[in-house]
């Protein structure tokens, strides 16, 4: 099985399971990730997902066997193939629950794109990153919307064009990574803290906040963004969850999502 999905209470562990090829992408892995992401619901039992890779690496980009097929593809076949990968990144980016990236070993090519669609990324200190596509005569095309949103045009100009590999410390410096752990055990400790922070936050508010980021970023004007924010906060204030949260604060009691109530 190229993808392992395990749920423990409200936490889902999603593991790329192709360690023999450093969890490189092929058609099957792309299809499985897309299907999983499409199946997640904001009102389901899962509240946080942690995405990682089995073995020695997070994700090394494209599988060599898959790439050997691409060489013989027509342009139309390449459009369909790239479209499937783009759909996977879009589905992961639109996931209604927080997605934490557990990154170790290497994140190269599409593997960096996978990190870029995560809401929070924790990497081991010795992880190597790289937008290495230009070294193969291609470009980081389908991952570029997510990578640019994370690292900005200046870092993209340097790293997309050179294909240079870079450290976890540099990845954090440019905004691709949020926290760096000394080793994998430390990475897991940091992730556990993030998971706790997310689970003690109101689940519908977390989903709404994630949607707000996307909506405001895509707003056509400042006026449009302002209206979005006004409507969004008004809706949350009158929602059952928002009412309970504000009353709990005023009454100095835990809200329902922390006390086990409905």
C-alpha atoms as a PDB file:
ATOM      1  CA  UNK A   1       0.000   0.000   0.000  1.00  0.00           C
ATOM      2  CA  UNK A   2       1.596   3.272  -1.126  1.00  0.00           C
ATOM      3  CA  UNK A   3      -0.361   5.341   1.411  1.00  0.00           C
ATOM      4  CA  UNK A   4      -1.123   4.418   5.017  1.00  0.00           C
ATOM      5  CA  UNK A   5      -3.954   6.197   6.827  1.00  0.00           C
ATOM      6  CA  UNK A   6      -4.366   5.654  10.572  1.00  0.00           C
ATOM      7  CA  UNK A   7      -6.800   7.520  12.796  1.00  0.00           C
ATOM      8  CA  UNK A   8      -6.342   7.776  16.544  1.00  0.00           C
ATOM      9  CA  UNK A   9      -9.244   9.730  17.976  1.00  0.00           C
ATOM     10  CA  UNK A  10      -9.328  13.129  16.291  1.00  0.00           C
ATOM     11  CA  UNK A  11      -5.813  12.803  14.814  1.00  0.00           C
ATOM     12  CA  UNK A  12      -5.173  11.210  11.414  1.00  0.00           C
ATOM     13  CA  UNK A  13      -1.695  10.016  10.483  1.00  0.00           C
ATOM     14  CA  UNK A  14      -1.138   9.953   6.727  1.00  0.00           C
ATOM     15  CA  UNK A  15       2.097   8.253   5.705  1.00  0.00           C
ATOM     16  CA  UNK A  16       3.640   8.055   2.252  1.00  0.00           C
ATOM     17  CA  UNK A  17       4.682   4.417   2.130  1.00  0.00           C
ATOM     18  CA  UNK A  18       7.147   3.925  -0.708  1.00  0.00           C
ATOM     19  CA  UNK A  19      10.387   3.932   1.321  1.00  0.00           C
ATOM     20  CA  UNK A  20      12.277   1.951  -1.310  1.00  0.00           C
ATOM     21  CA  UNK A  21      12.099   4.995  -3.611  1.00  0.00           C
ATOM     22  CA  UNK A  22      12.193   7.627  -0.858  1.00  0.00           C
ATOM     23  CA  UNK A  23       8.390   8.053  -1.144  1.00  0.00           C
ATOM     24  CA  UNK A  24       8.615   9.426  -4.660  1.00  0.00           C
ATOM     25  CA  UNK A  25       5.363  10.128  -6.483  1.00  0.00           C
ATOM     26  CA  UNK A  26       3.782   7.834  -9.016  1.00  0.00           C
ATOM     27  CA  UNK A  27       0.273   7.695 -10.432  1.00  0.00           C
ATOM     28  CA  UNK A  28      -0.998   5.433  -7.656  1.00  0.00           C
ATOM     29  CA  UNK A  29       0.305   7.570  -4.792  1.00  0.00           C
ATOM     30  CA  UNK A  30      -1.107  10.717  -6.404  1.00  0.00           C
ATOM     31  CA  UNK A  31      -4.521   9.086  -6.834  1.00  0.00           C
ATOM     32  CA  UNK A  32      -4.568   7.794  -3.252  1.00  0.00           C
ATOM     33  CA  UNK A  33      -3.587  11.146  -1.744  1.00  0.00           C
ATOM     34  CA  UNK A  34      -6.204  12.921  -3.852  1.00  0.00           C
ATOM     35  CA  UNK A  35      -8.919  10.460  -2.829  1.00  0.00           C
ATOM     36  CA  UNK A  36      -8.039  10.746   0.845  1.00  0.00           C
ATOM     37  CA  UNK A  37      -8.038  14.553   0.785  1.00  0.00           C
ATOM     38  CA  UNK A  38     -11.386  14.609  -1.032  1.00  0.00           C
ATOM     39  CA  UNK A  39     -12.894  12.316   1.608  1.00  0.00           C
ATOM     40  CA  UNK A  40     -12.131  14.558   4.597  1.00  0.00           C
ATOM     41  CA  UNK A  41     -15.049  16.571   5.986  1.00  0.00           C
ATOM     42  CA  UNK A  42     -14.917  19.511   8.387  1.00  0.00           C
ATOM     43  CA  UNK A  43     -17.667  17.944  10.492  1.00  0.00           C
ATOM     44  CA  UNK A  44     -16.130  14.458  10.490  1.00  0.00           C
ATOM     45  CA  UNK A  45     -14.296  12.787  13.340  1.00  0.00           C
ATOM     46  CA  UNK A  46     -10.846  13.949  12.242  1.00  0.00           C
ATOM     47  CA  UNK A  47      -9.676  17.337  13.485  1.00  0.00           C
ATOM     48  CA  UNK A  48      -5.956  17.286  12.626  1.00  0.00           C
ATOM     49  CA  UNK A  49      -3.922  15.402  10.015  1.00  0.00           C
ATOM     50  CA  UNK A  50      -0.181  14.738  10.180  1.00  0.00           C
ATOM     51  CA  UNK A  51       1.502  13.958   6.868  1.00  0.00           C
ATOM     52  CA  UNK A  52       4.842  12.160   6.868  1.00  0.00           C
ATOM     53  CA  UNK A  53       6.954   9.670   4.975  1.00  0.00           C
ATOM     54  CA  UNK A  54       8.082   6.139   5.829  1.00  0.00           C
ATOM     55  CA  UNK A  55      11.761   5.291   5.828  1.00  0.00           C
ATOM     56  CA  UNK A  56      14.624   7.722   5.334  1.00  0.00           C
ATOM     57  CA  UNK A  57      12.899  10.573   3.474  1.00  0.00           C
ATOM     58  CA  UNK A  58       9.700  12.613   3.367  1.00  0.00           C
ATOM     59  CA  UNK A  59       9.342  12.716  -0.422  1.00  0.00           C
ATOM     60  CA  UNK A  60      11.991  12.779  -3.138  1.00  0.00           C
ATOM     61  CA  UNK A  61       9.757  14.085  -5.928  1.00  0.00           C
ATOM     62  CA  UNK A  62       8.927  12.018  -9.009  1.00  0.00           C
ATOM     63  CA  UNK A  63       9.498   8.278  -9.246  1.00  0.00           C
ATOM     64  CA  UNK A  64      12.043   7.266 -11.909  1.00  0.00           C
ATOM     65  CA  UNK A  65       9.703   4.678 -13.423  1.00  0.00           C
ATOM     66  CA  UNK A  66       6.971   7.315 -13.676  1.00  0.00           C
ATOM     67  CA  UNK A  67       9.416   9.779 -15.226  1.00  0.00           C
ATOM     68  CA  UNK A  68      10.443   7.190 -17.821  1.00  0.00           C
ATOM     69  CA  UNK A  69       6.829   7.112 -19.001  1.00  0.00           C
ATOM     70  CA  UNK A  70       6.699  10.914 -19.217  1.00  0.00           C
ATOM     71  CA  UNK A  71       9.560  10.947 -21.710  1.00  0.00           C
ATOM     72  CA  UNK A  72       7.329   9.168 -24.225  1.00  0.00           C
ATOM     73  CA  UNK A  73       4.115  11.098 -23.439  1.00  0.00           C
ATOM     74  CA  UNK A  74       2.524  13.374 -26.024  1.00  0.00           C
ATOM     75  CA  UNK A  75       1.735  16.924 -24.999  1.00  0.00           C
ATOM     76  CA  UNK A  76      -1.918  15.986 -24.366  1.00  0.00           C
ATOM     77  CA  UNK A  77      -0.849  13.037 -22.219  1.00  0.00           C
ATOM     78  CA  UNK A  78       1.440  15.326 -20.256  1.00  0.00           C
ATOM     79  CA  UNK A  79      -1.419  17.783 -19.732  1.00  0.00           C
ATOM     80  CA  UNK A  80      -3.597  15.002 -18.296  1.00  0.00           C
ATOM     81  CA  UNK A  81      -0.743  13.690 -16.154  1.00  0.00           C
ATOM     82  CA  UNK A  82       0.188  17.113 -14.773  1.00  0.00           C
ATOM     83  CA  UNK A  83      -3.494  17.871 -14.250  1.00  0.00           C
ATOM     84  CA  UNK A  84      -3.829  14.863 -11.951  1.00  0.00           C
ATOM     85  CA  UNK A  85      -0.919  16.070  -9.843  1.00  0.00           C
ATOM     86  CA  UNK A  86      -2.304  19.610  -9.758  1.00  0.00           C
ATOM     87  CA  UNK A  87      -5.645  18.219  -8.569  1.00  0.00           C
ATOM     88  CA  UNK A  88      -3.863  16.413  -5.732  1.00  0.00           C
ATOM     89  CA  UNK A  89      -2.150  19.582  -4.508  1.00  0.00           C
ATOM     90  CA  UNK A  90      -5.408  21.507  -4.804  1.00  0.00           C
ATOM     91  CA  UNK A  91      -7.302  18.884  -2.778  1.00  0.00           C
ATOM     92  CA  UNK A  92      -4.648  18.917  -0.063  1.00  0.00           C
ATOM     93  CA  UNK A  93      -4.549  22.709  -0.014  1.00  0.00           C
ATOM     94  CA  UNK A  94      -8.336  22.840   0.427  1.00  0.00           C
ATOM     95  CA  UNK A  95      -8.372  20.255   3.218  1.00  0.00           C
ATOM     96  CA  UNK A  96     -10.926  21.546   5.781  1.00  0.00           C
ATOM     97  CA  UNK A  97      -8.830  20.444   8.764  1.00  0.00           C
ATOM     98  CA  UNK A  98      -5.272  21.510   9.641  1.00  0.00           C
ATOM     99  CA  UNK A  99      -2.516  19.568   7.891  1.00  0.00           C
ATOM    100  CA  UNK A 100       0.845  19.284   9.642  1.00  0.00           C
ATOM    101  CA  UNK A 101       3.864  18.232   7.600  1.00  0.00           C
ATOM    102  CA  UNK A 102       6.350  15.934   9.369  1.00  0.00           C
ATOM    103  CA  UNK A 103       9.404  16.362   7.139  1.00  0.00           C
ATOM    104  CA  UNK A 104      12.664  14.472   7.410  1.00  0.00           C
ATOM    105  CA  UNK A 105      15.508  13.283   5.230  1.00  0.00           C
ATOM    106  CA  UNK A 106      14.682  14.979   1.954  1.00  0.00           C
ATOM    107  CA  UNK A 107      11.906  16.998   0.362  1.00  0.00           C
ATOM    108  CA  UNK A 108      12.762  17.512  -3.292  1.00  0.00           C
ATOM    109  CA  UNK A 109      10.774  18.683  -6.305  1.00  0.00           C
ATOM    110  CA  UNK A 110       7.160  17.722  -5.744  1.00  0.00           C
ATOM    111  CA  UNK A 111       8.093  16.823  -2.168  1.00  0.00           C
ATOM    112  CA  UNK A 112       8.706  20.522  -1.484  1.00  0.00           C
ATOM    113  CA  UNK A 113       5.290  21.213  -2.998  1.00  0.00           C
ATOM    114  CA  UNK A 114       3.806  18.701  -0.583  1.00  0.00           C
ATOM    115  CA  UNK A 115       5.380  20.604   2.309  1.00  0.00           C
ATOM    116  CA  UNK A 116       4.111  23.895   0.878  1.00  0.00           C
ATOM    117  CA  UNK A 117       0.448  22.811   0.996  1.00  0.00           C
ATOM    118  CA  UNK A 118       0.710  21.884   4.674  1.00  0.00           C
ATOM    119  CA  UNK A 119      -0.610  24.463   7.124  1.00  0.00           C
ATOM    120  CA  UNK A 120       2.238  23.816   9.545  1.00  0.00           C
ATOM    121  CA  UNK A 121       5.588  22.228   8.690  1.00  0.00           C
ATOM    122  CA  UNK A 122       8.031  20.763  11.211  1.00  0.00           C
ATOM    123  CA  UNK A 123      11.319  19.520   9.772  1.00  0.00           C
ATOM    124  CA  UNK A 124      14.268  17.617  11.152  1.00  0.00           C
ATOM    125  CA  UNK A 125      17.434  19.699  11.252  1.00  0.00           C
ATOM    126  CA  UNK A 126      19.272  17.544   8.714  1.00  0.00           C
ATOM    127  CA  UNK A 127      16.492  17.617   6.088  1.00  0.00           C
ATOM    128  CA  UNK A 128      17.550  18.679   2.592  1.00  0.00           C
ATOM    129  CA  UNK A 129      15.124  20.673   0.448  1.00  0.00           C
ATOM    130  CA  UNK A 130      15.319  21.577  -3.216  1.00  0.00           C
ATOM    131  CA  UNK A 131      13.271  22.787  -6.164  1.00  0.00           C
ATOM    132  CA  UNK A 132      15.420  20.550  -8.334  1.00  0.00           C
ATOM    133  CA  UNK A 133      13.283  20.409 -11.484  1.00  0.00           C
ATOM    134  CA  UNK A 134      15.545  22.630 -13.613  1.00  0.00           C
ATOM    135  CA  UNK A 135      18.360  20.125 -13.144  1.00  0.00           C
ATOM    136  CA  UNK A 136      16.190  17.751 -15.229  1.00  0.00           C
ATOM    137  CA  UNK A 137      15.247  20.347 -17.847  1.00  0.00           C
ATOM    138  CA  UNK A 138      11.747  20.872 -16.429  1.00  0.00           C
ATOM    139  CA  UNK A 139      10.211  23.415 -14.027  1.00  0.00           C
ATOM    140  CA  UNK A 140       8.363  23.406 -10.658  1.00  0.00           C
ATOM    141  CA  UNK A 141       5.115  24.321 -12.381  1.00  0.00           C
ATOM    142  CA  UNK A 142       2.161  22.719 -10.580  1.00  0.00           C
ATOM    143  CA  UNK A 143       3.683  23.354  -7.151  1.00  0.00           C
ATOM    144  CA  UNK A 144       4.499  26.994  -7.900  1.00  0.00           C
ATOM    145  CA  UNK A 145       1.223  28.559  -6.616  1.00  0.00           C
ATOM    146  CA  UNK A 146       1.756  26.976  -3.206  1.00  0.00           C
ATOM    147  CA  UNK A 147       5.510  27.493  -3.075  1.00  0.00           C
ATOM    148  CA  UNK A 148       5.235  31.154  -4.096  1.00  0.00           C
ATOM    149  CA  UNK A 149       2.575  31.752  -1.445  1.00  0.00           C
ATOM    150  CA  UNK A 150       4.999  30.401   1.144  1.00  0.00           C
ATOM    151  CA  UNK A 151       8.428  31.675   0.128  1.00  0.00           C
ATOM    152  CA  UNK A 152       7.665  34.723  -2.038  1.00  0.00           C
ATOM    153  CA  UNK A 153       9.060  35.781  -5.395  1.00  0.00           C
ATOM    154  CA  UNK A 154      12.550  36.699  -4.216  1.00  0.00           C
ATOM    155  CA  UNK A 155      13.405  33.283  -2.730  1.00  0.00           C
ATOM    156  CA  UNK A 156      11.625  31.572  -5.631  1.00  0.00           C
ATOM    157  CA  UNK A 157      13.778  33.403  -8.165  1.00  0.00           C
ATOM    158  CA  UNK A 158      16.895  32.124  -6.471  1.00  0.00           C
ATOM    159  CA  UNK A 159      15.758  28.576  -5.706  1.00  0.00           C
ATOM    160  CA  UNK A 160      13.570  27.796  -8.738  1.00  0.00           C
ATOM    161  CA  UNK A 161      16.240  29.004 -11.170  1.00  0.00           C
ATOM    162  CA  UNK A 162      19.302  27.423  -9.580  1.00  0.00           C
ATOM    163  CA  UNK A 163      17.701  24.176  -8.422  1.00  0.00           C
ATOM    164  CA  UNK A 164      20.065  24.443  -5.453  1.00  0.00           C
ATOM    165  CA  UNK A 165      19.497  22.266  -2.418  1.00  0.00           C
ATOM    166  CA  UNK A 166      19.046  24.040   0.898  1.00  0.00           C
ATOM    167  CA  UNK A 167      18.861  23.275   4.600  1.00  0.00           C
ATOM    168  CA  UNK A 168      15.966  23.135   7.041  1.00  0.00           C
ATOM    169  CA  UNK A 169      17.329  26.311   8.638  1.00  0.00           C
ATOM    170  CA  UNK A 170      17.087  28.133   5.281  1.00  0.00           C
ATOM    171  CA  UNK A 171      13.634  26.640   4.698  1.00  0.00           C
ATOM    172  CA  UNK A 172      12.522  28.135   8.000  1.00  0.00           C
ATOM    173  CA  UNK A 173      14.128  31.465   7.174  1.00  0.00           C
ATOM    174  CA  UNK A 174      12.106  31.790   3.946  1.00  0.00           C
ATOM    175  CA  UNK A 175       8.821  30.604   5.464  1.00  0.00           C
ATOM    176  CA  UNK A 176       8.594  27.105   4.027  1.00  0.00           C
ATOM    177  CA  UNK A 177       9.126  25.513   7.452  1.00  0.00           C
ATOM    178  CA  UNK A 178       7.691  26.744  10.741  1.00  0.00           C
ATOM    179  CA  UNK A 179       9.777  24.784  13.233  1.00  0.00           C
ATOM    180  CA  UNK A 180      12.969  22.711  13.137  1.00  0.00           C
ATOM    181  CA  UNK A 181      13.651  19.756  15.416  1.00  0.00           C
ATOM    182  CA  UNK A 182      17.099  18.446  16.331  1.00  0.00           C
ATOM    183  CA  UNK A 183      16.080  14.945  15.226  1.00  0.00           C
ATOM    184  CA  UNK A 184      12.934  12.968  14.401  1.00  0.00           C
ATOM    185  CA  UNK A 185      12.074  12.445  18.069  1.00  0.00           C
ATOM    186  CA  UNK A 186      12.283  16.188  18.618  1.00  0.00           C
ATOM    187  CA  UNK A 187      10.151  16.751  15.509  1.00  0.00           C
ATOM    188  CA  UNK A 188       7.483  14.500  17.021  1.00  0.00           C
ATOM    189  CA  UNK A 189       7.580  16.441  20.304  1.00  0.00           C
ATOM    190  CA  UNK A 190       7.080  19.718  18.448  1.00  0.00           C
ATOM    191  CA  UNK A 191       4.235  18.225  16.404  1.00  0.00           C
ATOM    192  CA  UNK A 192       2.562  16.944  19.590  1.00  0.00           C
ATOM    193  CA  UNK A 193       2.544  20.526  20.897  1.00  0.00           C
ATOM    194  CA  UNK A 194       0.988  21.807  17.671  1.00  0.00           C
ATOM    195  CA  UNK A 195      -1.619  19.026  17.763  1.00  0.00           C
ATOM    196  CA  UNK A 196      -2.536  19.941  21.332  1.00  0.00           C
ATOM    197  CA  UNK A 197      -2.867  23.616  20.407  1.00  0.00           C
ATOM    198  CA  UNK A 198      -5.144  22.715  17.505  1.00  0.00           C
ATOM    199  CA  UNK A 199      -7.304  20.310  19.513  1.00  0.00           C
ATOM    200  CA  UNK A 200      -7.864  22.888  22.252  1.00  0.00           C
ATOM    201  CA  UNK A 201      -9.083  25.375  19.627  1.00  0.00           C
ATOM    202  CA  UNK A 202     -12.672  25.392  18.385  1.00  0.00           C
ATOM    203  CA  UNK A 203     -12.827  22.969  15.430  1.00  0.00           C
ATOM    204  CA  UNK A 204     -15.305  24.919  13.304  1.00  0.00           C
ATOM    205  CA  UNK A 205     -13.432  28.160  14.018  1.00  0.00           C
ATOM    206  CA  UNK A 206     -10.162  26.529  12.913  1.00  0.00           C
ATOM    207  CA  UNK A 207     -11.804  25.417   9.658  1.00  0.00           C
ATOM    208  CA  UNK A 208     -13.297  28.884   9.159  1.00  0.00           C
ATOM    209  CA  UNK A 209      -9.950  30.560   9.862  1.00  0.00           C
ATOM    210  CA  UNK A 210      -8.255  28.349   7.283  1.00  0.00           C
ATOM    211  CA  UNK A 211     -10.938  29.217   4.714  1.00  0.00           C
ATOM    212  CA  UNK A 212     -10.629  32.914   5.613  1.00  0.00           C
ATOM    213  CA  UNK A 213      -6.928  32.931   4.758  1.00  0.00           C
ATOM    214  CA  UNK A 214      -7.648  31.563   1.286  1.00  0.00           C
ATOM    215  CA  UNK A 215     -10.634  33.858   0.700  1.00  0.00           C
ATOM    216  CA  UNK A 216      -8.920  37.075   1.803  1.00  0.00           C
ATOM    217  CA  UNK A 217      -5.771  36.205  -0.158  1.00  0.00           C
ATOM    218  CA  UNK A 218      -7.880  35.742  -3.291  1.00  0.00           C
ATOM    219  CA  UNK A 219     -10.042  38.853  -2.768  1.00  0.00           C
ATOM    220  CA  UNK A 220     -10.137  41.126  -5.802  1.00  0.00           C
ATOM    221  CA  UNK A 221      -9.882  44.373  -3.818  1.00  0.00           C
ATOM    222  CA  UNK A 222      -9.488  45.756  -0.322  1.00  0.00           C
ATOM    223  CA  UNK A 223     -13.209  46.509  -0.215  1.00  0.00           C
ATOM    224  CA  UNK A 224     -14.000  42.926  -1.139  1.00  0.00           C
ATOM    225  CA  UNK A 225     -11.608  41.661   1.541  1.00  0.00           C
ATOM    226  CA  UNK A 226     -13.171  43.945   4.120  1.00  0.00           C
ATOM    227  CA  UNK A 227     -16.662  42.667   3.342  1.00  0.00           C
ATOM    228  CA  UNK A 228     -15.424  39.081   3.574  1.00  0.00           C
ATOM    229  CA  UNK A 229     -13.948  39.704   7.005  1.00  0.00           C
ATOM    230  CA  UNK A 230     -17.053  41.485   8.304  1.00  0.00           C
ATOM    231  CA  UNK A 231     -19.324  38.683   7.119  1.00  0.00           C
ATOM    232  CA  UNK A 232     -16.967  36.027   8.477  1.00  0.00           C
ATOM    233  CA  UNK A 233     -16.709  37.400  12.012  1.00  0.00           C
ATOM    234  CA  UNK A 234     -20.429  38.136  12.183  1.00  0.00           C
ATOM    235  CA  UNK A 235     -21.204  34.546  11.207  1.00  0.00           C
ATOM    236  CA  UNK A 236     -18.808  33.155  13.816  1.00  0.00           C
ATOM    237  CA  UNK A 237     -20.149  35.386  16.609  1.00  0.00           C
ATOM    238  CA  UNK A 238     -23.696  34.097  16.184  1.00  0.00           C
ATOM    239  CA  UNK A 239     -22.703  30.479  15.558  1.00  0.00           C
ATOM    240  CA  UNK A 240     -23.354  27.942  18.359  1.00  0.00           C
ATOM    241  CA  UNK A 241     -19.622  27.359  18.713  1.00  0.00           C
ATOM    242  CA  UNK A 242     -18.826  31.071  18.819  1.00  0.00           C
ATOM    243  CA  UNK A 243     -21.603  31.716  21.340  1.00  0.00           C
ATOM    244  CA  UNK A 244     -20.371  28.896  23.559  1.00  0.00           C
ATOM    245  CA  UNK A 245     -16.761  30.015  23.323  1.00  0.00           C
ATOM    246  CA  UNK A 246     -17.474  33.628  24.225  1.00  0.00           C
ATOM    247  CA  UNK A 247     -19.840  32.656  27.061  1.00  0.00           C
ATOM    248  CA  UNK A 248     -17.306  30.163  28.391  1.00  0.00           C
ATOM    249  CA  UNK A 249     -14.663  32.882  28.501  1.00  0.00           C
ATOM    250  CA  UNK A 250     -16.988  35.281  30.334  1.00  0.00           C
ATOM    251  CA  UNK A 251     -18.162  32.566  32.714  1.00  0.00           C
ATOM    252  CA  UNK A 252     -14.593  31.309  33.295  1.00  0.00           C
ATOM    253  CA  UNK A 253     -15.363  27.729  32.296  1.00  0.00           C
ATOM    254  CA  UNK A 254     -14.000  25.427  29.579  1.00  0.00           C
ATOM    255  CA  UNK A 255     -15.841  25.597  26.241  1.00  0.00           C
ATOM    256  CA  UNK A 256     -17.663  22.482  25.041  1.00  0.00           C
ATOM    257  CA  UNK A 257     -14.893  21.333  22.671  1.00  0.00           C
ATOM    258  CA  UNK A 258     -12.446  21.214  25.601  1.00  0.00           C
ATOM    259  CA  UNK A 259     -14.792  19.799  28.234  1.00  0.00           C
ATOM    260  CA  UNK A 260     -16.176  16.991  26.064  1.00  0.00           C
ATOM    261  CA  UNK A 261     -19.610  18.558  25.634  1.00  0.00           C
ATOM    262  CA  UNK A 262     -21.449  18.818  22.343  1.00  0.00           C
END
